Amino acid sequence: MDEKIQLYGELFGSIPLNSEEHLQVLLDTMDKDNSVYILTQAVKYAFNQGAYSIGESEVLSKAIRVANKPDDNKNEPKE
């Protein structure tokens, strides 16, 4: 029989959680890339809920683009 997995919850309307243990793994293994992704999803969720003004939305949009931009200085030698 085809059983559907019941979700434990969903973060910010877009990140499914299978269990409390899954949430703990997410917290324990979070790195910079994961944290930027989660922050981006949280901001999008709040925006869709009407949490920000037009000006605030523009500032957050720019901040997300800057945070998600590849770091061009990674391969340059330090002085």
C-alpha atoms as a PDB file:
ATOM      1  CA  MET A   1       0.000   0.000   0.000  1.00  0.00           C
ATOM      2  CA  ASP A   2       1.200   3.499  -0.818  1.00  0.00           C
ATOM      3  CA  GLU A   3       1.656   5.356   2.474  1.00  0.00           C
ATOM      4  CA  LYS A   4       2.115   9.096   2.536  1.00  0.00           C
ATOM      5  CA  ILE A   5       4.731  10.450   4.931  1.00  0.00           C
ATOM      6  CA  GLN A   6       3.166  12.880   7.371  1.00  0.00           C
ATOM      7  CA  LEU A   7       5.207  16.006   7.909  1.00  0.00           C
ATOM      8  CA  TYR A   8       6.215  17.092  11.398  1.00  0.00           C
ATOM      9  CA  GLY A   9       6.043  20.686  10.237  1.00  0.00           C
ATOM     10  CA  GLU A  10       7.119  23.225   7.675  1.00  0.00           C
ATOM     11  CA  LEU A  11       9.463  26.147   8.178  1.00  0.00           C
ATOM     12  CA  PHE A  12       8.511  29.408   6.501  1.00  0.00           C
ATOM     13  CA  GLY A  13       6.025  27.711   4.187  1.00  0.00           C
ATOM     14  CA  SER A  14       8.769  26.073   2.115  1.00  0.00           C
ATOM     15  CA  ILE A  15      11.121  23.875   4.171  1.00  0.00           C
ATOM     16  CA  PRO A  16       9.525  20.543   5.119  1.00  0.00           C
ATOM     17  CA  LEU A  17      10.405  18.831   8.391  1.00  0.00           C
ATOM     18  CA  ASN A  18       9.900  15.089   8.819  1.00  0.00           C
ATOM     19  CA  SER A  19      10.407  14.902  12.576  1.00  0.00           C
ATOM     20  CA  GLU A  20      11.771  16.682  15.615  1.00  0.00           C
ATOM     21  CA  GLU A  21      15.031  14.820  14.976  1.00  0.00           C
ATOM     22  CA  HIS A  22      15.099  16.223  11.432  1.00  0.00           C
ATOM     23  CA  LEU A  23      14.840  19.733  12.886  1.00  0.00           C
ATOM     24  CA  GLN A  24      17.725  18.962  15.242  1.00  0.00           C
ATOM     25  CA  VAL A  25      19.872  17.681  12.344  1.00  0.00           C
ATOM     26  CA  LEU A  26      19.114  20.889  10.441  1.00  0.00           C
ATOM     27  CA  LEU A  27      20.247  22.938  13.442  1.00  0.00           C
ATOM     28  CA  ASP A  28      23.326  20.824  14.162  1.00  0.00           C
ATOM     29  CA  THR A  29      24.627  20.746  10.587  1.00  0.00           C
ATOM     30  CA  MET A  30      23.818  24.309   9.512  1.00  0.00           C
ATOM     31  CA  ASP A  31      26.582  26.014   7.546  1.00  0.00           C
ATOM     32  CA  LYS A  32      26.807  29.414   5.844  1.00  0.00           C
ATOM     33  CA  ASP A  33      25.042  28.284   2.659  1.00  0.00           C
ATOM     34  CA  ASN A  34      22.187  26.672   4.616  1.00  0.00           C
ATOM     35  CA  SER A  35      21.827  29.715   6.847  1.00  0.00           C
ATOM     36  CA  VAL A  36      21.608  32.117   3.888  1.00  0.00           C
ATOM     37  CA  TYR A  37      19.003  29.851   2.255  1.00  0.00           C
ATOM     38  CA  ILE A  38      16.924  29.671   5.440  1.00  0.00           C
ATOM     39  CA  LEU A  39      17.131  33.426   6.021  1.00  0.00           C
ATOM     40  CA  THR A  40      16.074  34.022   2.408  1.00  0.00           C
ATOM     41  CA  GLN A  41      13.070  31.712   2.805  1.00  0.00           C
ATOM     42  CA  ALA A  42      12.118  33.402   6.085  1.00  0.00           C
ATOM     43  CA  VAL A  43      12.220  36.863   4.511  1.00  0.00           C
ATOM     44  CA  LYS A  44      10.160  35.694   1.508  1.00  0.00           C
ATOM     45  CA  TYR A  45       7.620  34.125   3.853  1.00  0.00           C
ATOM     46  CA  ALA A  46       7.314  37.281   5.949  1.00  0.00           C
ATOM     47  CA  PHE A  47       7.004  39.398   2.794  1.00  0.00           C
ATOM     48  CA  ASN A  48       4.161  37.198   1.530  1.00  0.00           C
ATOM     49  CA  GLN A  49       2.456  37.670   4.902  1.00  0.00           C
ATOM     50  CA  GLY A  50       2.618  41.462   4.447  1.00  0.00           C
ATOM     51  CA  ALA A  51       5.201  42.049   7.177  1.00  0.00           C
ATOM     52  CA  TYR A  52       7.221  44.708   5.334  1.00  0.00           C
ATOM     53  CA  SER A  53       6.630  48.095   3.746  1.00  0.00           C
ATOM     54  CA  ILE A  54       7.694  48.733   0.138  1.00  0.00           C
ATOM     55  CA  GLY A  55      10.930  50.407   1.295  1.00  0.00           C
ATOM     56  CA  GLU A  56      11.746  47.602   3.719  1.00  0.00           C
ATOM     57  CA  SER A  57      11.106  45.046   0.991  1.00  0.00           C
ATOM     58  CA  GLU A  58      13.550  46.811  -1.338  1.00  0.00           C
ATOM     59  CA  VAL A  59      16.271  46.909   1.319  1.00  0.00           C
ATOM     60  CA  LEU A  60      15.765  43.221   2.148  1.00  0.00           C
ATOM     61  CA  SER A  61      15.747  42.280  -1.533  1.00  0.00           C
ATOM     62  CA  LYS A  62      19.103  43.991  -2.046  1.00  0.00           C
ATOM     63  CA  ALA A  63      20.524  42.403   1.112  1.00  0.00           C
ATOM     64  CA  ILE A  64      19.501  38.934  -0.103  1.00  0.00           C
ATOM     65  CA  ARG A  65      21.091  39.520  -3.509  1.00  0.00           C
ATOM     66  CA  VAL A  66      24.331  40.674  -1.878  1.00  0.00           C
ATOM     67  CA  ALA A  67      24.367  37.749   0.584  1.00  0.00           C
ATOM     68  CA  ASN A  68      23.748  35.213  -2.205  1.00  0.00           C
ATOM     69  CA  LYS A  69      26.355  36.711  -4.533  1.00  0.00           C
ATOM     70  CA  PRO A  70      29.435  34.495  -4.995  1.00  0.00           C
ATOM     71  CA  ASP A  71      32.488  35.768  -3.148  1.00  0.00           C
ATOM     72  CA  ASP A  72      34.892  36.931  -5.878  1.00  0.00           C
ATOM     73  CA  ASN A  73      37.696  37.425  -3.356  1.00  0.00           C
ATOM     74  CA  LYS A  74      37.979  33.769  -2.303  1.00  0.00           C
ATOM     75  CA  ASN A  75      40.751  32.947  -4.781  1.00  0.00           C
ATOM     76  CA  GLU A  76      42.759  36.140  -4.323  1.00  0.00           C
ATOM     77  CA  PRO A  77      45.867  35.905  -2.146  1.00  0.00           C
ATOM     78  CA  LYS A  78      45.762  37.797   1.134  1.00  0.00           C
ATOM     79  CA  GLU A  79      48.299  40.553   1.659  1.00  0.00           C
END
